[in-house]
Amino acid sequence: MRIAVTGSIATDHLMTFPGRFADQLVADQLHTVSLSFLVDQLDVRRGGVAPNICFGMGQLGIEPILVGAAGNDFEEYRAWLDRHGVDTRSVRISEVLHTARFVCTTDADHNQIGSFYTGAMSEARLIELQHVAERVGGLDLVLIGADDPEAMIRHTEECRTRGIRFAADFSQQIARMDGDDIRTLMEGATYLFSNEYEKGLIESKTGWTGDEILAKVGTRVTTLGSNGVRIERVGEPAIEVGVPEEKTKADPTGVGDAFRAGFLSGLAWGVGLERAAQVGCMLATLVIETVGTQEYELHRSHFMDRFTKAYGHEAAADVQQHLA
């Protein structure tokens, strides 16, 4: 099963300021702020929803196709993804813009000052999925993740025109989209991903009820945080899957991306929706136990031991053959 994942490609530059921002701000001078903070820690992490999802799929033995736009500074990141089983040959490299970047400083009170540079991400709208399909011998599913908004609309329309199944996954971009855009991106999707808050926002912005939305998509997948995930289809009972026991909660960043990686891998294996959701929840648990979205290691025996403990021997037997 050939799965392409579209979405943002970015790096995060995370810094720590040992003092308090509030101590540096003068109330009657906020209209002319000019400050520089001497930080004592810099952490550069690989990120972007599409590489995060692709990395997880690569860890599970699937070779996903990464589709997005980056700058000439992408080569080190590309090498990392290539080593971890990701097909990066459909990434567009901008001739003039750097890879998207999030720069954030956190103070001792956990307040944050951050900036997001979209950079090369704006060129994702120039990517033709047909060229990707021709290179790999056809596409079975395209996940359309958070990206340049025009790129998301273009990819969706191309999938509908060419009859390619697609999954709608607005995530971070839903806040800036209006109802018309959301309806355009959602209608005809084979899968619709969101968390529980986004689910309510989608219904509020579109004016469609949950049942009306379900009638327009094949399968609605809603992540519920510590309560797991719910999968809904028209005329079928909902499937609810819980999460495995966590050893620690180190960092929640990228957990949703990891779930999608596991779920899409399960679909590629053909193990069914419930098993796919279980794989997604297990992978998400590994991510929440690790600082960084692509810093976890997947050891097959360890993964299966925990998966078996969480979901039982029958579920493990369905999945293990694909991980061997």
Protein backbone atom coordinates (compact mmCIF):
# COMPACT_ATOMS: atom_id res chain seq x y z
CA MET A 1 0.00 0.00 0.00
CA ARG A 2 1.59 3.26 -1.14
CA ILE A 3 0.82 6.10 1.28
CA ALA A 4 1.92 9.70 0.72
CA VAL A 5 1.97 12.12 3.65
CA THR A 6 1.72 15.83 2.89
CA GLY A 7 2.26 18.56 5.45
CA SER A 8 4.68 20.99 7.04
CA ILE A 9 8.41 20.27 7.20
CA ALA A 10 10.12 22.30 9.92
CA THR A 11 12.80 22.45 12.57
CA ASP A 12 12.29 23.74 16.12
CA HIS A 13 14.87 25.89 17.87
CA LEU A 14 13.97 25.80 21.54
CA MET A 15 15.83 27.99 24.05
CA THR A 16 15.67 28.37 27.82
CA PHE A 17 16.02 31.71 29.64
CA PRO A 18 16.85 31.19 33.34
CA GLY A 19 15.08 34.38 34.45
CA ARG A 20 11.55 35.75 34.16
CA PHE A 21 10.31 37.72 31.17
CA ALA A 22 8.07 39.71 33.52
CA ASP A 23 11.09 41.13 35.36
CA GLN A 24 12.41 42.60 32.10
CA LEU A 25 9.22 44.37 31.02
CA VAL A 26 8.50 47.98 31.99
CA ALA A 27 4.74 48.59 32.08
CA ASP A 28 4.76 52.11 30.59
CA GLN A 29 7.32 51.18 27.88
CA LEU A 30 5.56 48.18 26.30
CA HIS A 31 4.91 50.21 23.15
CA THR A 32 8.65 50.35 22.46
CA VAL A 33 10.03 46.99 23.61
CA SER A 34 13.66 46.23 22.70
CA LEU A 35 15.01 43.26 24.62
CA SER A 36 17.63 40.56 24.22
CA PHE A 37 17.63 37.50 26.47
CA LEU A 38 20.85 35.61 27.19
CA VAL A 39 19.76 31.97 27.11
CA ASP A 40 21.62 29.05 28.61
CA GLN A 41 20.20 26.19 26.57
CA LEU A 42 19.47 25.55 22.89
CA ASP A 43 17.71 22.42 21.67
CA VAL A 44 17.31 21.96 17.91
CA ARG A 45 14.70 19.35 17.06
CA ARG A 46 13.39 17.93 13.84
CA GLY A 47 9.70 18.61 13.37
CA GLY A 48 6.81 19.29 11.06
CA VAL A 49 3.71 17.11 11.00
CA ALA A 50 4.57 15.27 7.78
CA PRO A 51 8.11 14.15 8.76
CA ASN A 52 6.88 13.23 12.25
CA ILE A 53 4.23 10.94 10.79
CA CYS A 54 6.59 9.53 8.17
CA PHE A 55 9.29 8.83 10.77
CA GLY A 56 6.86 6.72 12.80
CA MET A 57 5.72 4.80 9.74
CA GLY A 58 9.33 4.16 8.80
CA GLN A 59 9.99 2.81 12.28
CA LEU A 60 7.14 0.34 11.75
CA GLY A 61 8.56 -0.88 8.46
CA ILE A 62 6.33 1.07 6.09
CA GLU A 63 8.10 3.23 3.48
CA PRO A 64 5.93 6.37 3.42
CA ILE A 65 6.33 9.05 0.77
CA LEU A 66 7.01 12.47 2.26
CA VAL A 67 5.46 15.31 0.25
CA GLY A 68 6.20 18.90 1.21
CA ALA A 69 8.51 21.85 0.61
CA ALA A 70 11.83 22.63 2.30
CA GLY A 71 14.91 24.76 1.73
CA ASN A 72 18.51 23.99 0.76
CA ASP A 73 19.18 23.52 4.48
CA PHE A 74 17.10 20.32 4.40
CA GLU A 75 19.90 17.92 3.42
CA GLU A 76 20.89 16.83 6.94
CA TYR A 77 17.23 16.34 7.85
CA ARG A 78 16.70 14.42 4.60
CA ALA A 79 19.58 12.07 5.42
CA TRP A 80 18.06 11.38 8.84
CA LEU A 81 14.67 10.51 7.33
CA ASP A 82 16.23 8.41 4.57
CA ARG A 83 18.06 6.36 7.21
CA HIS A 84 14.75 5.75 8.98
CA GLY A 85 12.83 4.36 6.05
CA VAL A 86 11.20 7.48 4.59
CA ASP A 87 11.02 8.16 0.84
CA THR A 88 12.03 11.84 0.62
CA ARG A 89 12.39 12.09 -3.17
CA SER A 90 9.13 14.02 -3.56
CA VAL A 91 10.18 16.90 -1.28
CA ARG A 92 10.34 20.15 -3.21
CA ILE A 93 13.49 22.16 -2.47
CA SER A 94 13.10 25.92 -2.68
CA GLU A 95 15.81 27.87 -4.45
CA VAL A 96 15.31 31.00 -2.34
CA LEU A 97 13.66 30.11 1.01
CA HIS A 98 14.82 28.26 4.11
CA THR A 99 12.98 25.34 5.66
CA ALA A 100 10.15 26.45 7.97
CA ARG A 101 11.36 27.16 11.48
CA PHE A 102 9.86 27.62 14.93
CA VAL A 103 12.06 29.65 17.31
CA CYS A 104 10.90 29.78 20.92
CA THR A 105 12.33 30.96 24.24
CA THR A 106 10.88 29.69 27.52
CA ASP A 107 11.50 31.45 30.85
CA ALA A 108 11.67 30.10 34.40
CA ASP A 109 7.88 30.49 34.78
CA HIS A 110 7.28 28.50 31.56
CA ASN A 111 6.12 31.60 29.71
CA GLN A 112 7.10 31.52 26.05
CA ILE A 113 8.00 33.98 23.30
CA GLY A 114 8.06 32.33 19.92
CA SER A 115 8.09 33.02 16.20
CA PHE A 116 7.20 30.75 13.27
CA TYR A 117 8.87 31.29 9.91
CA THR A 118 6.88 29.58 7.15
CA GLY A 119 9.68 29.85 4.62
CA ALA A 120 9.69 27.16 1.95
CA MET A 121 6.40 25.76 3.21
CA SER A 122 4.67 28.37 1.04
CA GLU A 123 5.91 26.54 -2.05
CA ALA A 124 4.08 23.32 -1.18
CA ARG A 125 1.17 24.63 -3.27
CA LEU A 126 3.36 24.10 -6.36
CA ILE A 127 3.61 20.33 -5.85
CA GLU A 128 1.62 18.09 -8.21
CA LEU A 129 0.56 14.81 -6.65
CA GLN A 130 0.28 13.27 -10.10
CA HIS A 131 4.07 13.50 -10.48
CA VAL A 132 4.46 11.73 -7.14
CA ALA A 133 2.02 9.00 -8.20
CA GLU A 134 3.82 8.47 -11.50
CA ARG A 135 7.18 8.13 -9.76
CA VAL A 136 6.05 5.47 -7.28
CA GLY A 137 3.61 3.58 -9.51
CA GLY A 138 0.38 5.03 -8.10
CA LEU A 139 -0.91 6.19 -4.72
CA ASP A 140 -3.39 4.25 -2.58
CA LEU A 141 -3.90 6.97 0.05
CA VAL A 142 -2.77 10.56 0.63
CA LEU A 143 -2.85 12.07 4.11
CA ILE A 144 -3.35 15.82 3.74
CA GLY A 145 -1.87 17.28 6.90
CA ALA A 146 -1.39 20.82 8.20
CA ASP A 147 0.56 22.77 5.60
CA ASP A 148 0.39 25.90 3.49
CA PRO A 149 -3.42 26.37 3.29
CA GLU A 150 -3.44 26.73 -0.49
CA ALA A 151 -1.41 23.54 -0.77
CA MET A 152 -3.94 21.67 1.37
CA ILE A 153 -6.80 22.80 -0.86
CA ARG A 154 -4.90 22.00 -4.05
CA HIS A 155 -3.92 18.51 -2.85
CA THR A 156 -7.51 17.81 -1.80
CA GLU A 157 -8.96 18.92 -5.12
CA GLU A 158 -6.36 16.91 -7.04
CA CYS A 159 -7.16 13.77 -5.04
CA ARG A 160 -10.87 14.19 -5.77
CA THR A 161 -10.24 14.87 -9.47
CA ARG A 162 -7.89 11.91 -9.92
CA GLY A 163 -9.86 9.51 -7.73
CA ILE A 164 -7.13 9.10 -5.11
CA ARG A 165 -8.36 8.25 -1.62
CA PHE A 166 -7.35 10.88 0.92
CA ALA A 167 -7.39 11.53 4.65
CA ALA A 168 -8.24 15.04 5.90
CA ASP A 169 -6.14 16.16 8.86
CA PHE A 170 -6.32 19.93 9.49
CA SER A 171 -4.76 19.96 12.99
CA GLN A 172 -2.86 23.25 13.56
CA GLN A 173 -4.37 25.00 10.55
CA ILE A 174 -7.98 24.64 11.64
CA ALA A 175 -7.79 27.82 13.75
CA ARG A 176 -7.19 30.03 10.69
CA MET A 177 -9.65 28.29 8.36
CA ASP A 178 -13.23 29.34 7.83
CA GLY A 179 -16.19 27.04 7.34
CA ASP A 180 -15.96 27.06 3.54
CA ASP A 181 -12.33 25.93 3.56
CA ILE A 182 -13.01 23.18 6.08
CA ARG A 183 -15.98 21.91 4.06
CA THR A 184 -13.82 21.89 0.91
CA LEU A 185 -11.03 19.95 2.59
CA MET A 186 -13.33 17.45 4.26
CA GLU A 187 -15.94 16.45 1.69
CA GLY A 188 -15.27 13.04 0.19
CA ALA A 189 -12.41 12.18 2.54
CA THR A 190 -11.90 8.49 3.24
CA TYR A 191 -10.70 9.38 6.74
CA LEU A 192 -11.13 12.50 8.87
CA PHE A 193 -8.66 12.95 11.74
CA SER A 194 -9.01 15.39 14.64
CA ASN A 195 -8.76 15.58 18.39
CA GLU A 196 -11.86 16.10 20.51
CA TYR A 197 -11.52 19.89 20.67
CA GLU A 198 -10.97 20.14 16.92
CA LYS A 199 -14.02 17.94 16.39
CA GLY A 200 -16.20 20.55 18.07
CA LEU A 201 -14.49 23.37 16.18
CA ILE A 202 -15.08 21.64 12.85
CA GLU A 203 -18.79 21.27 13.63
CA SER A 204 -19.05 24.86 14.84
CA LYS A 205 -17.31 26.39 11.81
CA THR A 206 -19.02 24.27 9.16
CA GLY A 207 -22.47 24.39 10.76
CA TRP A 208 -22.75 20.64 10.16
CA THR A 209 -23.72 18.21 12.89
CA GLY A 210 -21.61 15.20 13.72
CA ASP A 211 -23.99 12.95 11.79
CA GLU A 212 -23.88 15.25 8.75
CA ILE A 213 -20.10 15.24 8.76
CA LEU A 214 -20.01 11.47 9.13
CA ALA A 215 -22.23 11.16 6.06
CA LYS A 216 -19.65 13.09 4.02
CA VAL A 217 -16.56 11.10 5.05
CA GLY A 218 -15.91 7.40 5.16
CA THR A 219 -14.44 7.09 8.65
CA ARG A 220 -14.07 9.69 11.41
CA VAL A 221 -11.14 9.18 13.78
CA THR A 222 -11.15 11.31 16.95
CA THR A 223 -8.27 11.16 19.41
CA LEU A 224 -9.32 11.61 23.04
CA GLY A 225 -6.05 12.22 24.85
CA SER A 226 -5.60 9.89 27.80
CA ASN A 227 -8.95 8.27 26.94
CA GLY A 228 -7.64 6.84 23.67
CA VAL A 229 -9.46 7.13 20.36
CA ARG A 230 -12.96 6.77 18.93
CA ILE A 231 -13.66 5.61 15.35
CA GLU A 232 -17.06 6.26 13.80
CA ARG A 233 -18.67 5.09 10.54
CA VAL A 234 -22.21 5.47 9.24
CA GLY A 235 -24.42 2.56 10.26
CA GLU A 236 -21.67 0.91 12.34
CA PRO A 237 -21.10 0.84 16.09
CA ALA A 238 -18.31 3.12 17.24
CA ILE A 239 -14.93 1.55 17.95
CA GLU A 240 -13.21 2.79 21.10
CA VAL A 241 -9.60 1.95 21.90
CA GLY A 242 -7.81 2.82 25.14
CA VAL A 243 -4.15 3.75 25.55
CA PRO A 244 -1.41 1.55 27.02
CA GLU A 245 -0.06 2.35 30.46
CA GLU A 246 2.59 5.07 30.30
CA LYS A 247 5.91 4.79 32.10
CA THR A 248 6.23 8.58 32.24
CA LYS A 249 4.92 11.73 30.57
CA ALA A 250 8.09 13.37 29.30
CA ASP A 251 6.77 15.48 26.41
CA PRO A 252 3.34 15.46 24.70
CA THR A 253 4.61 17.13 21.52
CA GLY A 254 4.09 14.92 18.47
CA VAL A 255 1.83 12.38 20.16
CA GLY A 256 -0.98 12.97 17.65
CA ASP A 257 1.46 12.57 14.76
CA ALA A 258 2.67 9.27 16.21
CA PHE A 259 -0.90 7.99 16.50
CA ARG A 260 -1.48 8.78 12.84
CA ALA A 261 1.76 7.01 11.92
CA GLY A 262 0.67 3.86 13.71
CA PHE A 263 -2.88 4.01 12.42
CA LEU A 264 -1.77 4.46 8.79
CA SER A 265 0.73 1.62 9.18
CA GLY A 266 -2.06 -0.63 10.42
CA LEU A 267 -4.12 0.29 7.37
CA ALA A 268 -1.17 -0.57 5.14
CA TRP A 269 -0.90 -3.96 6.84
CA GLY A 270 -4.63 -4.56 6.42
CA VAL A 271 -5.23 -5.46 10.08
CA GLY A 272 -8.53 -3.55 10.42
CA LEU A 273 -9.51 -0.30 12.07
CA GLU A 274 -9.41 -1.46 15.69
CA ARG A 275 -5.95 -3.00 15.37
CA ALA A 276 -4.72 0.04 13.44
CA ALA A 277 -5.91 2.30 16.27
CA GLN A 278 -4.20 0.07 18.82
CA VAL A 279 -0.91 0.30 16.94
CA GLY A 280 -1.37 4.07 16.80
CA CYS A 281 -1.98 4.32 20.54
CA MET A 282 1.05 2.16 21.32
CA LEU A 283 3.32 4.31 19.15
CA ALA A 284 1.87 7.49 20.67
CA THR A 285 2.73 6.14 24.13
CA LEU A 286 6.38 5.72 23.11
CA VAL A 287 6.45 9.35 21.96
CA ILE A 288 4.92 10.80 25.13
CA GLU A 289 7.63 8.99 27.10
CA THR A 290 10.37 10.70 25.04
CA VAL A 291 11.46 14.33 24.71
CA GLY A 292 11.27 15.20 21.02
CA THR A 293 8.99 14.03 18.23
CA GLN A 294 11.50 11.77 16.48
CA GLU A 295 13.83 10.74 19.29
CA TYR A 296 12.18 7.48 20.32
CA GLU A 297 13.47 4.05 19.34
CA LEU A 298 11.17 1.20 18.39
CA HIS A 299 12.53 -2.17 19.45
CA ARG A 300 10.24 -4.88 18.08
CA SER A 301 10.28 -7.20 21.10
CA HIS A 302 9.73 -4.35 23.55
CA PHE A 303 6.95 -2.91 21.40
CA MET A 304 5.16 -6.26 21.18
CA ASP A 305 5.53 -6.99 24.90
CA ARG A 306 3.80 -3.74 25.78
CA PHE A 307 1.27 -4.11 22.98
CA THR A 308 0.34 -7.59 24.23
CA LYS A 309 -0.02 -6.34 27.80
CA ALA A 310 -2.32 -3.54 26.65
CA TYR A 311 -4.47 -5.31 24.05
CA GLY A 312 -4.09 -9.07 24.55
CA HIS A 313 -2.58 -12.02 22.69
CA GLU A 314 -5.12 -12.13 19.86
CA ALA A 315 -4.44 -8.51 18.93
CA ALA A 316 -0.70 -9.09 19.23
CA ALA A 317 -0.85 -12.08 16.90
CA ASP A 318 -2.54 -9.95 14.24
CA VAL A 319 0.17 -7.29 14.45
CA GLN A 320 3.35 -9.24 15.20
CA GLN A 321 3.62 -10.88 11.78
CA HIS A 322 3.91 -7.46 10.20
CA LEU A 323 6.61 -6.29 12.60
CA ALA A 324 8.77 -9.42 12.34
